[in-house]
Amino acid sequence: MKIAMWSGPRNLSTAMMYAFAARGDCAAWDEPFYGAYLNATHIDHPMRAEVIAAQNPDPVAVAAGCLGPIPDGKPLFYQKHMTLHMIPAFDRGFMRGLTNVFLIRHPARVVASYAKKREGTTLADIGFTQQAELFDEVAGWMGRAPLVIDSADIRANPHAALSGLCAALEIPFTDNMLHWPAGPKPYDGVWAPHWYNAVHKSTGFEDPEGDLPDLSADYRRLVDQAMPHYERLAAYRL
């Protein structure tokens, strides 16, 4: 099975990748389209040159890799995808060959976290609009809503959330998903030194988050723009 987990940045996405890789029967691929996205858009991101140099910039080749043989002959292939990487110029037909899941997080938490890593955050940067578009596209050809899981539910009860997700995917759950070794992982993207500092210190999912963060007026407006997209997908969460 090839699992494509679609989220915006700062959505617990790296921890989820670590959880699936910790199973032992699952290969992991970290943001396959990041280099192609940066190459096509010319957007300035931290470590931009390194990302493009480290990845195939051809989206057609990347899509073929998503559908190709699973590395190391494993039965499961977890692909951590960023919704903002799927720009309109990229053919999304490959998604029909994947099991697509949508990972969501409250916009206020996403904005607060993202702003610490990259200034001048915009709606396009955090992927909520793109996530809703991809959700609608997948639901359209599936004839039903694809799976949605909320990071808040995972942190509130990792065992229950992940066992529920595995049941929905029709794969066995293992307690191995709840823990992983600290430090960098061999499947981390080259951008990990900039983005993964906190998760590299972790050995499992963190405790539930407290109150929503206080944000500036500009960031509160950004949250207001993202909320309808988040709430619409949240209605379908496991």
C-alpha atoms as a PDB file:
ATOM      1  CA  MET A   1       0.000   0.000   0.000  1.00  0.00           C
ATOM      2  CA  LYS A   2       1.203   3.498  -0.881  1.00  0.00           C
ATOM      3  CA  ILE A   3      -0.086   6.064   1.627  1.00  0.00           C
ATOM      4  CA  ALA A   4       0.024   9.736   0.630  1.00  0.00           C
ATOM      5  CA  MET A   5      -0.420  11.968   3.688  1.00  0.00           C
ATOM      6  CA  TRP A   6      -1.386  15.481   2.577  1.00  0.00           C
ATOM      7  CA  SER A   7      -0.906  18.430   4.925  1.00  0.00           C
ATOM      8  CA  GLY A   8       0.451  21.922   5.116  1.00  0.00           C
ATOM      9  CA  PRO A   9       3.684  22.642   6.995  1.00  0.00           C
ATOM     10  CA  ARG A  10       3.845  22.536  10.806  1.00  0.00           C
ATOM     11  CA  ASN A  11       0.988  20.009  10.951  1.00  0.00           C
ATOM     12  CA  LEU A  12       2.693  17.226  12.955  1.00  0.00           C
ATOM     13  CA  SER A  13       3.608  15.863   9.538  1.00  0.00           C
ATOM     14  CA  THR A  14       7.194  14.901  10.346  1.00  0.00           C
ATOM     15  CA  ALA A  15       6.215  13.134  13.577  1.00  0.00           C
ATOM     16  CA  MET A  16       3.615  11.180  11.623  1.00  0.00           C
ATOM     17  CA  MET A  17       6.256  10.172   9.089  1.00  0.00           C
ATOM     18  CA  TYR A  18       8.478   9.004  11.964  1.00  0.00           C
ATOM     19  CA  ALA A  19       5.591   7.025  13.449  1.00  0.00           C
ATOM     20  CA  PHE A  20       4.935   5.113  10.242  1.00  0.00           C
ATOM     21  CA  ALA A  21       8.636   4.523   9.582  1.00  0.00           C
ATOM     22  CA  ALA A  22       8.991   3.152  13.130  1.00  0.00           C
ATOM     23  CA  ARG A  23       6.612   0.312  12.239  1.00  0.00           C
ATOM     24  CA  GLY A  24       9.443  -1.572  10.563  1.00  0.00           C
ATOM     25  CA  ASP A  25       7.332  -2.618   7.562  1.00  0.00           C
ATOM     26  CA  CYS A  26       7.008   0.847   6.045  1.00  0.00           C
ATOM     27  CA  ALA A  27       9.329   2.875   3.822  1.00  0.00           C
ATOM     28  CA  ALA A  28       9.131   6.674   4.113  1.00  0.00           C
ATOM     29  CA  TRP A  29       9.625   9.487   1.586  1.00  0.00           C
ATOM     30  CA  ASP A  30       9.921  13.044   2.856  1.00  0.00           C
ATOM     31  CA  GLU A  31       8.177  15.694   0.681  1.00  0.00           C
ATOM     32  CA  PRO A  32       8.940  14.220  -2.757  1.00  0.00           C
ATOM     33  CA  PHE A  33       7.800  17.308  -4.688  1.00  0.00           C
ATOM     34  CA  TYR A  34       9.625  19.970  -2.638  1.00  0.00           C
ATOM     35  CA  GLY A  35      12.487  20.386  -5.103  1.00  0.00           C
ATOM     36  CA  ALA A  36      10.159  20.390  -8.111  1.00  0.00           C
ATOM     37  CA  TYR A  37       7.939  22.968  -6.397  1.00  0.00           C
ATOM     38  CA  LEU A  38      10.816  25.332  -5.636  1.00  0.00           C
ATOM     39  CA  ASN A  39      12.270  24.882  -9.104  1.00  0.00           C
ATOM     40  CA  ALA A  40       8.965  25.635 -10.819  1.00  0.00           C
ATOM     41  CA  THR A  41       7.838  28.568  -8.657  1.00  0.00           C
ATOM     42  CA  HIS A  42      11.189  30.263  -7.933  1.00  0.00           C
ATOM     43  CA  ILE A  43       9.909  30.898  -4.418  1.00  0.00           C
ATOM     44  CA  ASP A  44      12.622  31.730  -1.886  1.00  0.00           C
ATOM     45  CA  HIS A  45      12.620  29.156   0.913  1.00  0.00           C
ATOM     46  CA  PRO A  46      15.282  28.367   3.498  1.00  0.00           C
ATOM     47  CA  MET A  47      17.937  26.081   1.944  1.00  0.00           C
ATOM     48  CA  ARG A  48      16.332  26.496  -1.480  1.00  0.00           C
ATOM     49  CA  ALA A  49      19.455  25.647  -3.489  1.00  0.00           C
ATOM     50  CA  GLU A  50      20.201  22.595  -1.366  1.00  0.00           C
ATOM     51  CA  VAL A  51      16.653  21.259  -1.735  1.00  0.00           C
ATOM     52  CA  ILE A  52      16.655  21.615  -5.516  1.00  0.00           C
ATOM     53  CA  ALA A  53      20.096  20.017  -5.763  1.00  0.00           C
ATOM     54  CA  ALA A  54      19.070  17.091  -3.569  1.00  0.00           C
ATOM     55  CA  GLN A  55      15.793  16.207  -5.335  1.00  0.00           C
ATOM     56  CA  ASN A  56      14.583  15.491  -8.838  1.00  0.00           C
ATOM     57  CA  PRO A  57      13.075  18.782 -10.117  1.00  0.00           C
ATOM     58  CA  ASP A  58      10.938  16.987 -12.732  1.00  0.00           C
ATOM     59  CA  PRO A  59       7.399  16.536 -11.342  1.00  0.00           C
ATOM     60  CA  VAL A  60       6.612  13.779 -13.859  1.00  0.00           C
ATOM     61  CA  ALA A  61       9.562  11.734 -12.638  1.00  0.00           C
ATOM     62  CA  VAL A  62       8.634  12.371  -9.002  1.00  0.00           C
ATOM     63  CA  ALA A  63       5.055  11.230  -9.632  1.00  0.00           C
ATOM     64  CA  ALA A  64       6.372   8.062 -11.259  1.00  0.00           C
ATOM     65  CA  GLY A  65       8.464   7.439  -8.158  1.00  0.00           C
ATOM     66  CA  CYS A  66       5.402   7.786  -5.964  1.00  0.00           C
ATOM     67  CA  LEU A  67       3.741   4.993  -7.940  1.00  0.00           C
ATOM     68  CA  GLY A  68       6.839   2.866  -8.448  1.00  0.00           C
ATOM     69  CA  PRO A  69       8.275  -0.045  -6.456  1.00  0.00           C
ATOM     70  CA  ILE A  70       8.337   0.425  -2.700  1.00  0.00           C
ATOM     71  CA  PRO A  71      11.898   0.869  -1.389  1.00  0.00           C
ATOM     72  CA  ASP A  72      13.515  -2.090   0.353  1.00  0.00           C
ATOM     73  CA  GLY A  73      10.680  -4.374  -0.737  1.00  0.00           C
ATOM     74  CA  LYS A  74       8.476  -3.288   2.167  1.00  0.00           C
ATOM     75  CA  PRO A  75       4.692  -3.712   2.021  1.00  0.00           C
ATOM     76  CA  LEU A  76       3.888  -0.111   3.009  1.00  0.00           C
ATOM     77  CA  PHE A  77       5.131   3.190   1.588  1.00  0.00           C
ATOM     78  CA  TYR A  78       4.422   6.385   3.561  1.00  0.00           C
ATOM     79  CA  GLN A  79       4.750   9.530   1.484  1.00  0.00           C
ATOM     80  CA  LYS A  80       4.729  12.827   3.378  1.00  0.00           C
ATOM     81  CA  HIS A  81       3.326  15.395   0.938  1.00  0.00           C
ATOM     82  CA  MET A  82       2.849  19.154   1.325  1.00  0.00           C
ATOM     83  CA  THR A  83      -0.366  20.388  -0.266  1.00  0.00           C
ATOM     84  CA  LEU A  84       1.264  23.647  -1.397  1.00  0.00           C
ATOM     85  CA  HIS A  85       3.707  21.652  -3.536  1.00  0.00           C
ATOM     86  CA  MET A  86       0.886  20.496  -5.828  1.00  0.00           C
ATOM     87  CA  ILE A  87       0.779  23.623  -7.967  1.00  0.00           C
ATOM     88  CA  PRO A  88      -1.720  23.677 -10.881  1.00  0.00           C
ATOM     89  CA  ALA A  89       1.059  23.017 -13.401  1.00  0.00           C
ATOM     90  CA  PHE A  90       1.708  19.572 -11.886  1.00  0.00           C
ATOM     91  CA  ASP A  91      -0.430  16.667 -13.138  1.00  0.00           C
ATOM     92  CA  ARG A  92      -2.271  15.138 -10.199  1.00  0.00           C
ATOM     93  CA  GLY A  93      -3.333  11.974 -11.972  1.00  0.00           C
ATOM     94  CA  PHE A  94      -0.782   9.930 -10.027  1.00  0.00           C
ATOM     95  CA  MET A  95      -2.842  10.502  -6.870  1.00  0.00           C
ATOM     96  CA  ARG A  96      -5.383   7.970  -8.136  1.00  0.00           C
ATOM     97  CA  GLY A  97      -2.816   5.250  -7.562  1.00  0.00           C
ATOM     98  CA  LEU A  98      -2.304   6.198  -3.903  1.00  0.00           C
ATOM     99  CA  THR A  99      -4.303   5.932  -0.703  1.00  0.00           C
ATOM    100  CA  ASN A 100      -4.777   9.612   0.111  1.00  0.00           C
ATOM    101  CA  VAL A 101      -5.155  10.840   3.691  1.00  0.00           C
ATOM    102  CA  PHE A 102      -5.451  14.442   4.872  1.00  0.00           C
ATOM    103  CA  LEU A 103      -3.701  15.610   8.043  1.00  0.00           C
ATOM    104  CA  ILE A 104      -5.094  18.842   9.493  1.00  0.00           C
ATOM    105  CA  ARG A 105      -4.218  21.223  12.323  1.00  0.00           C
ATOM    106  CA  HIS A 106      -5.883  24.355  13.692  1.00  0.00           C
ATOM    107  CA  PRO A 107      -4.698  27.354  11.629  1.00  0.00           C
ATOM    108  CA  ALA A 108      -3.711  29.407  14.679  1.00  0.00           C
ATOM    109  CA  ARG A 109      -1.214  26.750  15.727  1.00  0.00           C
ATOM    110  CA  VAL A 110       0.105  26.367  12.182  1.00  0.00           C
ATOM    111  CA  VAL A 111       0.618  30.117  11.753  1.00  0.00           C
ATOM    112  CA  ALA A 112       2.340  30.508  15.122  1.00  0.00           C
ATOM    113  CA  SER A 113       4.706  27.632  14.383  1.00  0.00           C
ATOM    114  CA  TYR A 114       5.452  28.557  10.772  1.00  0.00           C
ATOM    115  CA  ALA A 115       6.155  32.205  11.585  1.00  0.00           C
ATOM    116  CA  LYS A 116       9.001  31.135  13.880  1.00  0.00           C
ATOM    117  CA  LYS A 117      10.772  29.517  10.915  1.00  0.00           C
ATOM    118  CA  ARG A 118       9.948  31.866   8.036  1.00  0.00           C
ATOM    119  CA  GLU A 119       8.817  35.490   8.201  1.00  0.00           C
ATOM    120  CA  GLY A 120       6.054  37.071   6.161  1.00  0.00           C
ATOM    121  CA  THR A 121       3.739  34.067   6.263  1.00  0.00           C
ATOM    122  CA  THR A 122       0.941  34.092   3.663  1.00  0.00           C
ATOM    123  CA  LEU A 123      -2.128  31.912   3.103  1.00  0.00           C
ATOM    124  CA  ALA A 124      -0.369  30.211   0.186  1.00  0.00           C
ATOM    125  CA  ASP A 125       2.551  29.270   2.457  1.00  0.00           C
ATOM    126  CA  ILE A 126       0.493  27.251   4.924  1.00  0.00           C
ATOM    127  CA  GLY A 127      -1.420  25.108   2.462  1.00  0.00           C
ATOM    128  CA  PHE A 128      -5.015  25.269   3.702  1.00  0.00           C
ATOM    129  CA  THR A 129      -6.532  26.441   0.421  1.00  0.00           C
ATOM    130  CA  GLN A 130      -4.550  23.857  -1.527  1.00  0.00           C
ATOM    131  CA  GLN A 131      -5.504  21.152   0.973  1.00  0.00           C
ATOM    132  CA  ALA A 132      -9.209  21.859   0.508  1.00  0.00           C
ATOM    133  CA  GLU A 133      -8.795  21.808  -3.284  1.00  0.00           C
ATOM    134  CA  LEU A 134      -7.008  18.456  -3.203  1.00  0.00           C
ATOM    135  CA  PHE A 135      -9.587  17.064  -0.788  1.00  0.00           C
ATOM    136  CA  ASP A 136     -12.395  18.041  -3.150  1.00  0.00           C
ATOM    137  CA  GLU A 137     -10.557  16.564  -6.130  1.00  0.00           C
ATOM    138  CA  VAL A 138      -9.964  13.234  -4.402  1.00  0.00           C
ATOM    139  CA  ALA A 139     -13.514  13.114  -3.047  1.00  0.00           C
ATOM    140  CA  GLY A 140     -14.818  13.791  -6.554  1.00  0.00           C
ATOM    141  CA  TRP A 141     -13.259  10.741  -8.144  1.00  0.00           C
ATOM    142  CA  MET A 142     -13.658   8.521  -5.077  1.00  0.00           C
ATOM    143  CA  GLY A 143     -17.328   9.347  -4.732  1.00  0.00           C
ATOM    144  CA  ARG A 144     -16.857   9.847  -0.990  1.00  0.00           C
ATOM    145  CA  ALA A 145     -14.723  11.832   1.436  1.00  0.00           C
ATOM    146  CA  PRO A 146     -11.155  10.575   1.838  1.00  0.00           C
ATOM    147  CA  LEU A 147      -9.704   9.960   5.286  1.00  0.00           C
ATOM    148  CA  VAL A 148      -9.004  12.994   7.482  1.00  0.00           C
ATOM    149  CA  ILE A 149      -7.104  12.986  10.774  1.00  0.00           C
ATOM    150  CA  ASP A 150      -6.550  15.969  13.093  1.00  0.00           C
ATOM    151  CA  SER A 151      -3.194  16.499  14.796  1.00  0.00           C
ATOM    152  CA  ALA A 152      -5.020  17.570  17.970  1.00  0.00           C
ATOM    153  CA  ASP A 153      -6.673  14.153  18.201  1.00  0.00           C
ATOM    154  CA  ILE A 154      -3.324  12.441  17.673  1.00  0.00           C
ATOM    155  CA  ARG A 155      -1.672  14.394  20.468  1.00  0.00           C
ATOM    156  CA  ALA A 156      -4.661  13.919  22.772  1.00  0.00           C
ATOM    157  CA  ASN A 157      -4.500  10.136  22.454  1.00  0.00           C
ATOM    158  CA  PRO A 158      -1.862   8.810  20.051  1.00  0.00           C
ATOM    159  CA  HIS A 159      -2.784   5.155  20.566  1.00  0.00           C
ATOM    160  CA  ALA A 160      -6.467   5.681  19.862  1.00  0.00           C
ATOM    161  CA  ALA A 161      -5.895   8.032  16.923  1.00  0.00           C
ATOM    162  CA  LEU A 162      -3.285   5.917  15.173  1.00  0.00           C
ATOM    163  CA  SER A 163      -5.045   2.627  15.789  1.00  0.00           C
ATOM    164  CA  GLY A 164      -8.199   4.211  14.354  1.00  0.00           C
ATOM    165  CA  LEU A 165      -6.292   5.433  11.316  1.00  0.00           C
ATOM    166  CA  CYS A 166      -4.725   2.019  10.775  1.00  0.00           C
ATOM    167  CA  ALA A 167      -8.144   0.390  11.022  1.00  0.00           C
ATOM    168  CA  ALA A 168      -9.491   2.804   8.406  1.00  0.00           C
ATOM    169  CA  LEU A 169      -6.499   2.003   6.179  1.00  0.00           C
ATOM    170  CA  GLU A 170      -7.060  -1.707   6.815  1.00  0.00           C
ATOM    171  CA  ILE A 171      -3.510  -2.246   8.045  1.00  0.00           C
ATOM    172  CA  PRO A 172      -2.497  -3.590  11.470  1.00  0.00           C
ATOM    173  CA  PHE A 173      -1.621  -1.163  14.226  1.00  0.00           C
ATOM    174  CA  THR A 174       1.597  -1.640  16.167  1.00  0.00           C
ATOM    175  CA  ASP A 175       2.783   0.071  19.337  1.00  0.00           C
ATOM    176  CA  ASN A 176       6.039   0.737  17.494  1.00  0.00           C
ATOM    177  CA  MET A 177       4.262   3.734  15.933  1.00  0.00           C
ATOM    178  CA  LEU A 178       4.192   5.516  19.281  1.00  0.00           C
ATOM    179  CA  HIS A 179       7.963   5.792  19.740  1.00  0.00           C
ATOM    180  CA  TRP A 180      11.062   6.467  17.651  1.00  0.00           C
ATOM    181  CA  PRO A 181      14.712   7.247  18.424  1.00  0.00           C
ATOM    182  CA  ALA A 182      15.756  10.857  18.914  1.00  0.00           C
ATOM    183  CA  GLY A 183      17.859  12.568  16.300  1.00  0.00           C
ATOM    184  CA  PRO A 184      17.932  12.855  12.500  1.00  0.00           C
ATOM    185  CA  LYS A 185      16.581  10.025  10.377  1.00  0.00           C
ATOM    186  CA  PRO A 186      18.117   8.640   7.182  1.00  0.00           C
ATOM    187  CA  TYR A 187      14.941   9.462   5.240  1.00  0.00           C
ATOM    188  CA  ASP A 188      14.792  13.117   6.398  1.00  0.00           C
ATOM    189  CA  GLY A 189      14.844  15.680   3.631  1.00  0.00           C
ATOM    190  CA  VAL A 190      17.983  17.773   3.235  1.00  0.00           C
ATOM    191  CA  TRP A 191      16.031  20.697   4.743  1.00  0.00           C
ATOM    192  CA  ALA A 192      15.761  18.961   8.129  1.00  0.00           C
ATOM    193  CA  PRO A 193      18.430  21.125   9.862  1.00  0.00           C
ATOM    194  CA  HIS A 194      16.228  24.192   9.399  1.00  0.00           C
ATOM    195  CA  TRP A 195      12.767  22.742  10.049  1.00  0.00           C
ATOM    196  CA  TYR A 196      13.106  19.631  12.237  1.00  0.00           C
ATOM    197  CA  ASN A 197      14.957  20.855  15.338  1.00  0.00           C
ATOM    198  CA  ALA A 198      12.085  20.134  17.723  1.00  0.00           C
ATOM    199  CA  VAL A 199      11.030  16.785  16.307  1.00  0.00           C
ATOM    200  CA  HIS A 200      14.634  15.580  16.355  1.00  0.00           C
ATOM    201  CA  LYS A 201      14.544  15.993  20.135  1.00  0.00           C
ATOM    202  CA  SER A 202      11.385  13.907  20.409  1.00  0.00           C
ATOM    203  CA  THR A 203      10.978  10.183  20.960  1.00  0.00           C
ATOM    204  CA  GLY A 204       7.203  10.150  20.529  1.00  0.00           C
ATOM    205  CA  PHE A 205       4.194  12.394  20.202  1.00  0.00           C
ATOM    206  CA  GLU A 206       4.092  15.371  22.559  1.00  0.00           C
ATOM    207  CA  ASP A 207       1.326  15.966  25.099  1.00  0.00           C
ATOM    208  CA  PRO A 208      -1.887  17.769  24.071  1.00  0.00           C
ATOM    209  CA  GLU A 209      -1.488  21.465  23.330  1.00  0.00           C
ATOM    210  CA  GLY A 210      -2.960  24.122  25.594  1.00  0.00           C
ATOM    211  CA  ASP A 211      -4.815  27.288  24.666  1.00  0.00           C
ATOM    212  CA  LEU A 212      -4.528  28.692  21.171  1.00  0.00           C
ATOM    213  CA  PRO A 213      -1.538  31.032  20.755  1.00  0.00           C
ATOM    214  CA  ASP A 214      -1.838  34.805  20.878  1.00  0.00           C
ATOM    215  CA  LEU A 215      -1.174  36.265  17.434  1.00  0.00           C
ATOM    216  CA  SER A 216      -0.695  39.692  15.920  1.00  0.00           C
ATOM    217  CA  ALA A 217      -3.581  41.302  14.063  1.00  0.00           C
ATOM    218  CA  ASP A 218      -2.068  40.371  10.698  1.00  0.00           C
ATOM    219  CA  TYR A 219      -1.692  36.749  11.681  1.00  0.00           C
ATOM    220  CA  ARG A 220      -5.206  36.655  13.151  1.00  0.00           C
ATOM    221  CA  ARG A 221      -6.528  37.771   9.757  1.00  0.00           C
ATOM    222  CA  LEU A 222      -4.542  34.982   8.151  1.00  0.00           C
ATOM    223  CA  VAL A 223      -6.107  32.484  10.554  1.00  0.00           C
ATOM    224  CA  ASP A 224      -9.563  33.819   9.686  1.00  0.00           C
ATOM    225  CA  GLN A 225      -8.836  33.170   6.003  1.00  0.00           C
ATOM    226  CA  ALA A 226      -7.710  29.615   6.667  1.00  0.00           C
ATOM    227  CA  MET A 227     -10.428  28.607   9.154  1.00  0.00           C
ATOM    228  CA  PRO A 228     -13.223  27.789   6.657  1.00  0.00           C
ATOM    229  CA  HIS A 229     -10.948  25.312   4.878  1.00  0.00           C
ATOM    230  CA  TYR A 230      -9.858  23.720   8.135  1.00  0.00           C
ATOM    231  CA  GLU A 231     -13.394  23.477   9.504  1.00  0.00           C
ATOM    232  CA  ARG A 232     -14.741  21.900   6.327  1.00  0.00           C
ATOM    233  CA  LEU A 233     -12.187  19.094   6.437  1.00  0.00           C
ATOM    234  CA  ALA A 234     -12.477  18.772  10.221  1.00  0.00           C
ATOM    235  CA  ALA A 235     -16.115  17.754   9.756  1.00  0.00           C
ATOM    236  CA  TYR A 236     -14.813  14.514   8.214  1.00  0.00           C
ATOM    237  CA  ARG A 237     -12.026  13.706  10.680  1.00  0.00           C
ATOM    238  CA  LEU A 238     -11.792  10.240  12.151  1.00  0.00           C
END
